[in-house]
Amino acid sequence: MNKRKTIGFMIDEIRGSYQAPIWLNLKNKAAKMNCNLIAFEGKRLGRDTLFSLEKQHNFIYKLMNESTLDGLIILSGPQVNYIGINRFIDYCNQYINFL
């Protein structure tokens, strides 16, 4: 029997008017494909101040790794808006093994 695939979904927040429909569609598609889908809702990247709540939320992104996930979907638009394309590309390079 084949192992059920587990896909991670990196998202800044699920409630947004842009993000919520994407999350719902991915969730429905994963169910139809018999895949697990785990949302890693870690807020905005790039808030590096010591007491930033977003920095604390970002910790969840460290749980995304190839030993627990079979694939990773990154909702890039909002994150690029926060930190810029070059910093975002540098950030994503740590997940290159998912490709």
PDB file of N, CA and C in Angstrom:
ATOM      1  N   MET A   1       0.835  -1.180   0.000  1.00  0.00           N
ATOM      2  CA  MET A   1       0.000   0.000   0.000  1.00  0.00           C
ATOM      3  C   MET A   1       0.885   1.251   0.000  1.00  0.00           C
ATOM      4  N   ASN A   2       0.529   2.222  -0.821  1.00  0.00           N
ATOM      5  CA  ASN A   2       1.297   3.455  -0.917  1.00  0.00           C
ATOM      6  C   ASN A   2       1.046   4.360   0.278  1.00  0.00           C
ATOM      7  N   LYS A   3       2.089   5.040   0.690  1.00  0.00           N
ATOM      8  CA  LYS A   3       1.989   5.991   1.785  1.00  0.00           C
ATOM      9  C   LYS A   3       1.229   7.235   1.305  1.00  0.00           C
ATOM     10  N   ARG A   4       0.326   7.719   2.113  1.00  0.00           N
ATOM     11  CA  ARG A   4      -0.409   8.944   1.790  1.00  0.00           C
ATOM     12  C   ARG A   4       0.552  10.129   1.834  1.00  0.00           C
ATOM     13  N   LYS A   5       0.565  10.922   0.788  1.00  0.00           N
ATOM     14  CA  LYS A   5       1.465  12.070   0.684  1.00  0.00           C
ATOM     15  C   LYS A   5       1.032  13.194   1.620  1.00  0.00           C
ATOM     16  N   THR A   6       2.023  13.907   2.142  1.00  0.00           N
ATOM     17  CA  THR A   6       1.779  15.063   3.003  1.00  0.00           C
ATOM     18  C   THR A   6       2.446  16.280   2.377  1.00  0.00           C
ATOM     19  N   ILE A   7       1.632  17.287   2.118  1.00  0.00           N
ATOM     20  CA  ILE A   7       2.094  18.515   1.486  1.00  0.00           C
ATOM     21  C   ILE A   7       1.990  19.656   2.495  1.00  0.00           C
ATOM     22  N   GLY A   8       3.031  20.462   2.569  1.00  0.00           N
ATOM     23  CA  GLY A   8       3.019  21.649   3.409  1.00  0.00           C
ATOM     24  C   GLY A   8       2.609  22.858   2.594  1.00  0.00           C
ATOM     25  N   PHE A   9       1.972  23.796   3.240  1.00  0.00           N
ATOM     26  CA  PHE A   9       1.540  25.026   2.588  1.00  0.00           C
ATOM     27  C   PHE A   9       1.971  26.203   3.449  1.00  0.00           C
ATOM     28  N   MET A  10       2.977  26.928   2.988  1.00  0.00           N
ATOM     29  CA  MET A  10       3.488  28.095   3.701  1.00  0.00           C
ATOM     30  C   MET A  10       2.635  29.298   3.324  1.00  0.00           C
ATOM     31  N   ILE A  11       2.016  29.902   4.335  1.00  0.00           N
ATOM     32  CA  ILE A  11       1.113  31.028   4.109  1.00  0.00           C
ATOM     33  C   ILE A  11       1.277  32.021   5.252  1.00  0.00           C
ATOM     34  N   ASP A  12       1.179  33.295   4.937  1.00  0.00           N
ATOM     35  CA  ASP A  12       1.339  34.298   5.986  1.00  0.00           C
ATOM     36  C   ASP A  12       0.130  34.328   6.919  1.00  0.00           C
ATOM     37  N   GLU A  13      -1.066  34.244   6.352  1.00  0.00           N
ATOM     38  CA  GLU A  13      -2.284  34.140   7.150  1.00  0.00           C
ATOM     39  C   GLU A  13      -3.381  33.539   6.286  1.00  0.00           C
ATOM     40  N   ILE A  14      -4.303  32.852   6.923  1.00  0.00           N
ATOM     41  CA  ILE A  14      -5.365  32.173   6.187  1.00  0.00           C
ATOM     42  C   ILE A  14      -6.594  33.064   6.032  1.00  0.00           C
ATOM     43  N   ARG A  15      -6.776  34.026   6.902  1.00  0.00           N
ATOM     44  CA  ARG A  15      -8.001  34.826   6.914  1.00  0.00           C
ATOM     45  C   ARG A  15      -8.078  35.890   5.828  1.00  0.00           C
ATOM     46  N   GLY A  16      -7.004  36.253   5.199  1.00  0.00           N
ATOM     47  CA  GLY A  16      -7.015  37.357   4.246  1.00  0.00           C
ATOM     48  C   GLY A  16      -7.919  37.113   3.046  1.00  0.00           C
ATOM     49  N   SER A  17      -8.387  38.174   2.441  1.00  0.00           N
ATOM     50  CA  SER A  17      -9.287  38.051   1.294  1.00  0.00           C
ATOM     51  C   SER A  17      -8.579  37.430   0.089  1.00  0.00           C
ATOM     52  N   TYR A  18      -7.281  37.547   0.023  1.00  0.00           N
ATOM     53  CA  TYR A  18      -6.494  36.909  -1.031  1.00  0.00           C
ATOM     54  C   TYR A  18      -6.165  35.463  -0.644  1.00  0.00           C
ATOM     55  N   GLN A  19      -5.784  35.269   0.610  1.00  0.00           N
ATOM     56  CA  GLN A  19      -5.287  33.983   1.068  1.00  0.00           C
ATOM     57  C   GLN A  19      -6.381  32.941   1.300  1.00  0.00           C
ATOM     58  N   ALA A  20      -7.500  33.335   1.867  1.00  0.00           N
ATOM     59  CA  ALA A  20      -8.551  32.374   2.240  1.00  0.00           C
ATOM     60  C   ALA A  20      -9.051  31.541   1.063  1.00  0.00           C
ATOM     61  N   PRO A  21      -9.359  32.137  -0.090  1.00  0.00           N
ATOM     62  CA  PRO A  21      -9.821  31.303  -1.211  1.00  0.00           C
ATOM     63  C   PRO A  21      -8.744  30.332  -1.711  1.00  0.00           C
ATOM     64  N   ILE A  22      -7.508  30.754  -1.660  1.00  0.00           N
ATOM     65  CA  ILE A  22      -6.416  29.860  -2.081  1.00  0.00           C
ATOM     66  C   ILE A  22      -6.340  28.676  -1.134  1.00  0.00           C
ATOM     67  N   TRP A  23      -6.385  28.932   0.167  1.00  0.00           N
ATOM     68  CA  TRP A  23      -6.349  27.869   1.172  1.00  0.00           C
ATOM     69  C   TRP A  23      -7.514  26.901   0.975  1.00  0.00           C
ATOM     70  N   LEU A  24      -8.713  27.421   0.799  1.00  0.00           N
ATOM     71  CA  LEU A  24      -9.888  26.563   0.650  1.00  0.00           C
ATOM     72  C   LEU A  24      -9.794  25.694  -0.604  1.00  0.00           C
ATOM     73  N   ASN A  25      -9.336  26.265  -1.695  1.00  0.00           N
ATOM     74  CA  ASN A  25      -9.189  25.489  -2.924  1.00  0.00           C
ATOM     75  C   ASN A  25      -8.117  24.411  -2.797  1.00  0.00           C
ATOM     76  N   LEU A  26      -6.988  24.750  -2.182  1.00  0.00           N
ATOM     77  CA  LEU A  26      -5.939  23.749  -1.974  1.00  0.00           C
ATOM     78  C   LEU A  26      -6.423  22.631  -1.056  1.00  0.00           C
ATOM     79  N   LYS A  27      -7.134  23.001  -0.010  1.00  0.00           N
ATOM     80  CA  LYS A  27      -7.660  22.013   0.938  1.00  0.00           C
ATOM     81  C   LYS A  27      -8.615  21.049   0.237  1.00  0.00           C
ATOM     82  N   ASN A  28      -9.497  21.580  -0.583  1.00  0.00           N
ATOM     83  CA  ASN A  28     -10.443  20.731  -1.324  1.00  0.00           C
ATOM     84  C   ASN A  28      -9.715  19.835  -2.325  1.00  0.00           C
ATOM     85  N   LYS A  29      -8.736  20.370  -3.021  1.00  0.00           N
ATOM     86  CA  LYS A  29      -7.981  19.587  -4.004  1.00  0.00           C
ATOM     87  C   LYS A  29      -7.195  18.475  -3.302  1.00  0.00           C
ATOM     88  N   ALA A  30      -6.582  18.780  -2.169  1.00  0.00           N
ATOM     89  CA  ALA A  30      -5.832  17.765  -1.427  1.00  0.00           C
ATOM     90  C   ALA A  30      -6.754  16.629  -0.986  1.00  0.00           C
ATOM     91  N   ALA A  31      -7.948  16.970  -0.542  1.00  0.00           N
ATOM     92  CA  ALA A  31      -8.905  15.940  -0.126  1.00  0.00           C
ATOM     93  C   ALA A  31      -9.282  15.049  -1.303  1.00  0.00           C
ATOM     94  N   LYS A  32      -9.498  15.644  -2.464  1.00  0.00           N
ATOM     95  CA  LYS A  32      -9.849  14.863  -3.654  1.00  0.00           C
ATOM     96  C   LYS A  32      -8.703  13.966  -4.097  1.00  0.00           C
ATOM     97  N   MET A  33      -7.467  14.408  -3.856  1.00  0.00           N
ATOM     98  CA  MET A  33      -6.286  13.637  -4.261  1.00  0.00           C
ATOM     99  C   MET A  33      -5.796  12.712  -3.155  1.00  0.00           C
ATOM    100  N   ASN A  34      -6.543  12.662  -2.034  1.00  0.00           N
ATOM    101  CA  ASN A  34      -6.187  11.822  -0.901  1.00  0.00           C
ATOM    102  C   ASN A  34      -4.799  12.156  -0.344  1.00  0.00           C
ATOM    103  N   CYS A  35      -4.541  13.459  -0.207  1.00  0.00           N
ATOM    104  CA  CYS A  35      -3.274  13.947   0.361  1.00  0.00           C
ATOM    105  C   CYS A  35      -3.550  14.671   1.670  1.00  0.00           C
ATOM    106  N   ASN A  36      -2.582  14.623   2.563  1.00  0.00           N
ATOM    107  CA  ASN A  36      -2.627  15.459   3.757  1.00  0.00           C
ATOM    108  C   ASN A  36      -2.132  16.846   3.355  1.00  0.00           C
ATOM    109  N   LEU A  37      -2.749  17.877   3.875  1.00  0.00           N
ATOM    110  CA  LEU A  37      -2.304  19.251   3.635  1.00  0.00           C
ATOM    111  C   LEU A  37      -2.167  19.933   4.982  1.00  0.00           C
ATOM    112  N   ILE A  38      -0.972  20.419   5.251  1.00  0.00           N
ATOM    113  CA  ILE A  38      -0.700  21.097   6.521  1.00  0.00           C
ATOM    114  C   ILE A  38      -0.394  22.554   6.222  1.00  0.00           C
ATOM    115  N   ALA A  39      -1.165  23.456   6.814  1.00  0.00           N
ATOM    116  CA  ALA A  39      -0.928  24.890   6.657  1.00  0.00           C
ATOM    117  C   ALA A  39       0.069  25.347   7.724  1.00  0.00           C
ATOM    118  N   PHE A  40       1.101  26.015   7.272  1.00  0.00           N
ATOM    119  CA  PHE A  40       2.074  26.637   8.163  1.00  0.00           C
ATOM    120  C   PHE A  40       1.822  28.141   8.084  1.00  0.00           C
ATOM    121  N   GLU A  41       0.952  28.613   8.980  1.00  0.00           N
ATOM    122  CA  GLU A  41       0.549  30.021   8.988  1.00  0.00           C
ATOM    123  C   GLU A  41       1.493  30.783   9.906  1.00  0.00           C
ATOM    124  N   GLY A  42       2.527  31.359   9.320  1.00  0.00           N
ATOM    125  CA  GLY A  42       3.589  31.954  10.126  1.00  0.00           C
ATOM    126  C   GLY A  42       3.760  33.442  10.020  1.00  0.00           C
ATOM    127  N   LYS A  43       2.775  34.129   9.504  1.00  0.00           N
ATOM    128  CA  LYS A  43       2.798  35.592   9.392  1.00  0.00           C
ATOM    129  C   LYS A  43       3.898  36.060   8.443  1.00  0.00           C
ATOM    130  N   ARG A  44       4.188  37.348   8.491  1.00  0.00           N
ATOM    131  CA  ARG A  44       5.116  37.965   7.546  1.00  0.00           C
ATOM    132  C   ARG A  44       6.575  37.660   7.887  1.00  0.00           C
ATOM    133  N   LEU A  45       7.353  37.456   6.855  1.00  0.00           N
ATOM    134  CA  LEU A  45       8.795  37.333   7.023  1.00  0.00           C
ATOM    135  C   LEU A  45       9.405  38.725   7.145  1.00  0.00           C
ATOM    136  N   GLY A  46      10.587  38.782   7.727  1.00  0.00           N
ATOM    137  CA  GLY A  46      11.341  40.028   7.724  1.00  0.00           C
ATOM    138  C   GLY A  46      11.118  40.941   8.898  1.00  0.00           C
ATOM    139  N   ARG A  47      10.334  40.538   9.846  1.00  0.00           N
ATOM    140  CA  ARG A  47      10.155  41.341  11.061  1.00  0.00           C
ATOM    141  C   ARG A  47      11.185  40.858  12.074  1.00  0.00           C
ATOM    142  N   ASP A  48      12.341  41.484  12.069  1.00  0.00           N
ATOM    143  CA  ASP A  48      13.477  40.971  12.839  1.00  0.00           C
ATOM    144  C   ASP A  48      13.645  41.600  14.207  1.00  0.00           C
ATOM    145  N   THR A  49      12.709  42.422  14.644  1.00  0.00           N
ATOM    146  CA  THR A  49      12.849  43.012  15.964  1.00  0.00           C
ATOM    147  C   THR A  49      12.606  41.945  17.029  1.00  0.00           C
ATOM    148  N   LEU A  50      13.254  42.087  18.136  1.00  0.00           N
ATOM    149  CA  LEU A  50      13.241  41.085  19.190  1.00  0.00           C
ATOM    150  C   LEU A  50      11.832  40.754  19.674  1.00  0.00           C
ATOM    151  N   PHE A  51      10.975  41.737  19.803  1.00  0.00           N
ATOM    152  CA  PHE A  51       9.664  41.514  20.393  1.00  0.00           C
ATOM    153  C   PHE A  51       8.544  41.450  19.363  1.00  0.00           C
ATOM    154  N   SER A  52       8.890  41.290  18.126  1.00  0.00           N
ATOM    155  CA  SER A  52       7.882  41.211  17.072  1.00  0.00           C
ATOM    156  C   SER A  52       7.097  39.909  17.184  1.00  0.00           C
ATOM    157  N   LEU A  53       5.772  40.025  17.238  1.00  0.00           N
ATOM    158  CA  LEU A  53       4.943  38.820  17.256  1.00  0.00           C
ATOM    159  C   LEU A  53       5.104  38.031  15.970  1.00  0.00           C
ATOM    160  N   GLU A  54       5.315  38.736  14.860  1.00  0.00           N
ATOM    161  CA  GLU A  54       5.484  38.041  13.591  1.00  0.00           C
ATOM    162  C   GLU A  54       6.747  37.190  13.603  1.00  0.00           C
ATOM    163  N   LYS A  55       7.784  37.680  14.224  1.00  0.00           N
ATOM    164  CA  LYS A  55       9.009  36.878  14.336  1.00  0.00           C
ATOM    165  C   LYS A  55       8.722  35.603  15.123  1.00  0.00           C
ATOM    166  N   GLN A  56       7.929  35.693  16.162  1.00  0.00           N
ATOM    167  CA  GLN A  56       7.558  34.517  16.945  1.00  0.00           C
ATOM    168  C   GLN A  56       6.729  33.550  16.107  1.00  0.00           C
ATOM    169  N   HIS A  57       5.805  34.080  15.324  1.00  0.00           N
ATOM    170  CA  HIS A  57       4.985  33.242  14.444  1.00  0.00           C
ATOM    171  C   HIS A  57       5.841  32.562  13.372  1.00  0.00           C
ATOM    172  N   ASN A  58       6.875  33.255  12.906  1.00  0.00           N
ATOM    173  CA  ASN A  58       7.747  32.704  11.857  1.00  0.00           C
ATOM    174  C   ASN A  58       8.383  31.388  12.268  1.00  0.00           C
ATOM    175  N   PHE A  59       8.457  31.123  13.547  1.00  0.00           N
ATOM    176  CA  PHE A  59       9.097  29.894  14.012  1.00  0.00           C
ATOM    177  C   PHE A  59       8.446  28.654  13.403  1.00  0.00           C
ATOM    178  N   ILE A  60       7.157  28.703  13.133  1.00  0.00           N
ATOM    179  CA  ILE A  60       6.467  27.539  12.569  1.00  0.00           C
ATOM    180  C   ILE A  60       7.065  27.143  11.224  1.00  0.00           C
ATOM    181  N   TYR A  61       7.621  28.109  10.491  1.00  0.00           N
ATOM    182  CA  TYR A  61       8.227  27.788   9.197  1.00  0.00           C
ATOM    183  C   TYR A  61       9.414  26.842   9.351  1.00  0.00           C
ATOM    184  N   LYS A  62      10.035  26.839  10.508  1.00  0.00           N
ATOM    185  CA  LYS A  62      11.167  25.928  10.743  1.00  0.00           C
ATOM    186  C   LYS A  62      10.720  24.467  10.812  1.00  0.00           C
ATOM    187  N   LEU A  63       9.429  24.229  10.969  1.00  0.00           N
ATOM    188  CA  LEU A  63       8.904  22.859  11.016  1.00  0.00           C
ATOM    189  C   LEU A  63       8.703  22.258   9.631  1.00  0.00           C
ATOM    190  N   MET A  64       8.849  23.075   8.611  1.00  0.00           N
ATOM    191  CA  MET A  64       8.700  22.582   7.231  1.00  0.00           C
ATOM    192  C   MET A  64      10.028  21.968   6.810  1.00  0.00           C
ATOM    193  N   ASN A  65      10.050  20.666   6.628  1.00  0.00           N
ATOM    194  CA  ASN A  65      11.288  20.031   6.182  1.00  0.00           C
ATOM    195  C   ASN A  65      10.975  18.763   5.400  1.00  0.00           C
ATOM    196  N   GLU A  66      11.960  18.326   4.658  1.00  0.00           N
ATOM    197  CA  GLU A  66      11.748  17.192   3.760  1.00  0.00           C
ATOM    198  C   GLU A  66      11.616  15.858   4.484  1.00  0.00           C
ATOM    199  N   SER A  67      11.932  15.802   5.757  1.00  0.00           N
ATOM    200  CA  SER A  67      11.764  14.536   6.474  1.00  0.00           C
ATOM    201  C   SER A  67      10.312  14.313   6.897  1.00  0.00           C
ATOM    202  N   THR A  68       9.526  15.383   6.973  1.00  0.00           N
ATOM    203  CA  THR A  68       8.134  15.246   7.370  1.00  0.00           C
ATOM    204  C   THR A  68       7.149  15.570   6.249  1.00  0.00           C
ATOM    205  N   LEU A  69       7.624  16.208   5.190  1.00  0.00           N
ATOM    206  CA  LEU A  69       6.757  16.602   4.081  1.00  0.00           C
ATOM    207  C   LEU A  69       7.236  15.989   2.779  1.00  0.00           C
ATOM    208  N   ASP A  70       6.289  15.673   1.928  1.00  0.00           N
ATOM    209  CA  ASP A  70       6.619  15.159   0.595  1.00  0.00           C
ATOM    210  C   ASP A  70       6.702  16.280  -0.430  1.00  0.00           C
ATOM    211  N   GLY A  71       6.174  17.413  -0.090  1.00  0.00           N
ATOM    212  CA  GLY A  71       6.202  18.560  -0.989  1.00  0.00           C
ATOM    213  C   GLY A  71       5.842  19.817  -0.233  1.00  0.00           C
ATOM    214  N   LEU A  72       6.065  20.941  -0.880  1.00  0.00           N
ATOM    215  CA  LEU A  72       5.827  22.223  -0.227  1.00  0.00           C
ATOM    216  C   LEU A  72       5.288  23.211  -1.242  1.00  0.00           C
ATOM    217  N   ILE A  73       4.209  23.886  -0.877  1.00  0.00           N
ATOM    218  CA  ILE A  73       3.646  24.977  -1.671  1.00  0.00           C
ATOM    219  C   ILE A  73       3.872  26.251  -0.866  1.00  0.00           C
ATOM    220  N   ILE A  74       4.452  27.248  -1.507  1.00  0.00           N
ATOM    221  CA  ILE A  74       4.714  28.520  -0.838  1.00  0.00           C
ATOM    222  C   ILE A  74       3.879  29.598  -1.508  1.00  0.00           C
ATOM    223  N   LEU A  75       3.027  30.258  -0.736  1.00  0.00           N
ATOM    224  CA  LEU A  75       2.266  31.380  -1.253  1.00  0.00           C
ATOM    225  C   LEU A  75       3.199  32.590  -1.236  1.00  0.00           C
ATOM    226  N   SER A  76       3.782  32.872  -2.372  1.00  0.00           N
ATOM    227  CA  SER A  76       4.878  33.829  -2.442  1.00  0.00           C
ATOM    228  C   SER A  76       4.448  35.291  -2.490  1.00  0.00           C
ATOM    229  N   GLY A  77       3.310  35.593  -3.096  1.00  0.00           N
ATOM    230  CA  GLY A  77       2.915  36.986  -3.300  1.00  0.00           C
ATOM    231  C   GLY A  77       2.978  37.854  -2.062  1.00  0.00           C
ATOM    232  N   PRO A  78       2.279  37.482  -1.002  1.00  0.00           N
ATOM    233  CA  PRO A  78       2.325  38.323   0.193  1.00  0.00           C
ATOM    234  C   PRO A  78       3.734  38.444   0.784  1.00  0.00           C
ATOM    235  N   GLN A  79       4.479  37.351   0.801  1.00  0.00           N
ATOM    236  CA  GLN A  79       5.823  37.412   1.386  1.00  0.00           C
ATOM    237  C   GLN A  79       6.748  38.315   0.577  1.00  0.00           C
ATOM    238  N   VAL A  80       6.660  38.244  -0.740  1.00  0.00           N
ATOM    239  CA  VAL A  80       7.492  39.105  -1.588  1.00  0.00           C
ATOM    240  C   VAL A  80       7.144  40.570  -1.336  1.00  0.00           C
ATOM    241  N   ASN A  81       5.877  40.849  -1.130  1.00  0.00           N
ATOM    242  CA  ASN A  81       5.478  42.223  -0.819  1.00  0.00           C
ATOM    243  C   ASN A  81       6.138  42.728   0.458  1.00  0.00           C
ATOM    244  N   TYR A  82       6.351  41.833   1.421  1.00  0.00           N
ATOM    245  CA  TYR A  82       6.935  42.237   2.696  1.00  0.00           C
ATOM    246  C   TYR A  82       8.449  42.391   2.637  1.00  0.00           C
ATOM    247  N   ILE A  83       9.141  41.460   1.975  1.00  0.00           N
ATOM    248  CA  ILE A  83      10.608  41.462   2.064  1.00  0.00           C
ATOM    249  C   ILE A  83      11.322  41.677   0.730  1.00  0.00           C
ATOM    250  N   GLY A  84      10.595  41.708  -0.359  1.00  0.00           N
ATOM    251  CA  GLY A  84      11.224  41.910  -1.666  1.00  0.00           C
ATOM    252  C   GLY A  84      11.627  40.576  -2.295  1.00  0.00           C
ATOM    253  N   ILE A  85      11.731  40.601  -3.603  1.00  0.00           N
ATOM    254  CA  ILE A  85      11.981  39.368  -4.351  1.00  0.00           C
ATOM    255  C   ILE A  85      13.345  38.751  -4.042  1.00  0.00           C
ATOM    256  N   ASN A  86      14.391  39.546  -3.923  1.00  0.00           N
ATOM    257  CA  ASN A  86      15.727  38.974  -3.700  1.00  0.00           C
ATOM    258  C   ASN A  86      15.844  38.291  -2.345  1.00  0.00           C
ATOM    259  N   ARG A  87      15.343  38.926  -1.307  1.00  0.00           N
ATOM    260  CA  ARG A  87      15.373  38.292   0.022  1.00  0.00           C
ATOM    261  C   ARG A  87      14.488  37.051   0.051  1.00  0.00           C
ATOM    262  N   PHE A  88      13.373  37.099  -0.682  1.00  0.00           N
ATOM    263  CA  PHE A  88      12.483  35.946  -0.708  1.00  0.00           C
ATOM    264  C   PHE A  88      13.142  34.763  -1.418  1.00  0.00           C
ATOM    265  N   ILE A  89      13.808  35.014  -2.518  1.00  0.00           N
ATOM    266  CA  ILE A  89      14.524  33.940  -3.219  1.00  0.00           C
ATOM    267  C   ILE A  89      15.585  33.339  -2.311  1.00  0.00           C
ATOM    268  N   ASP A  90      16.334  34.177  -1.619  1.00  0.00           N
ATOM    269  CA  ASP A  90      17.345  33.675  -0.677  1.00  0.00           C
ATOM    270  C   ASP A  90      16.690  32.813   0.400  1.00  0.00           C
ATOM    271  N   TYR A  91      15.552  33.254   0.906  1.00  0.00           N
ATOM    272  CA  TYR A  91      14.838  32.496   1.933  1.00  0.00           C
ATOM    273  C   TYR A  91      14.399  31.132   1.391  1.00  0.00           C
ATOM    274  N   CYS A  92      13.859  31.105   0.199  1.00  0.00           N
ATOM    275  CA  CYS A  92      13.337  29.868  -0.388  1.00  0.00           C
ATOM    276  C   CYS A  92      14.427  28.859  -0.724  1.00  0.00           C
ATOM    277  N   ASN A  93      15.645  29.306  -0.884  1.00  0.00           N
ATOM    278  CA  ASN A  93      16.738  28.383  -1.221  1.00  0.00           C
ATOM    279  C   ASN A  93      16.924  27.298  -0.175  1.00  0.00           C
ATOM    280  N   GLN A  94      16.510  27.528   1.057  1.00  0.00           N
ATOM    281  CA  GLN A  94      16.639  26.491   2.077  1.00  0.00           C
ATOM    282  C   GLN A  94      15.694  25.312   1.822  1.00  0.00           C
ATOM    283  N   TYR A  95      14.691  25.520   0.970  1.00  0.00           N
ATOM    284  CA  TYR A  95      13.728  24.460   0.647  1.00  0.00           C
ATOM    285  C   TYR A  95      13.987  23.848  -0.722  1.00  0.00           C
ATOM    286  N   ILE A  96      15.154  24.033  -1.256  1.00  0.00           N
ATOM    287  CA  ILE A  96      15.482  23.568  -2.599  1.00  0.00           C
ATOM    288  C   ILE A  96      15.336  22.056  -2.742  1.00  0.00           C
ATOM    289  N   ASN A  97      15.485  21.309  -1.666  1.00  0.00           N
ATOM    290  CA  ASN A  97      15.381  19.842  -1.738  1.00  0.00           C
ATOM    291  C   ASN A  97      13.966  19.354  -2.004  1.00  0.00           C
ATOM    292  N   PHE A  98      12.988  20.241  -1.889  1.00  0.00           N
ATOM    293  CA  PHE A  98      11.616  19.869  -2.201  1.00  0.00           C
ATOM    294  C   PHE A  98      11.358  19.829  -3.697  1.00  0.00           C
ATOM    295  N   LEU A  99      12.261  20.394  -4.480  1.00  0.00           N
ATOM    296  CA  LEU A  99      12.048  20.449  -5.939  1.00  0.00           C
ATOM    297  C   LEU A  99      12.360  19.134  -6.597  1.00  0.00           C
TER     298      LEU A  99
END
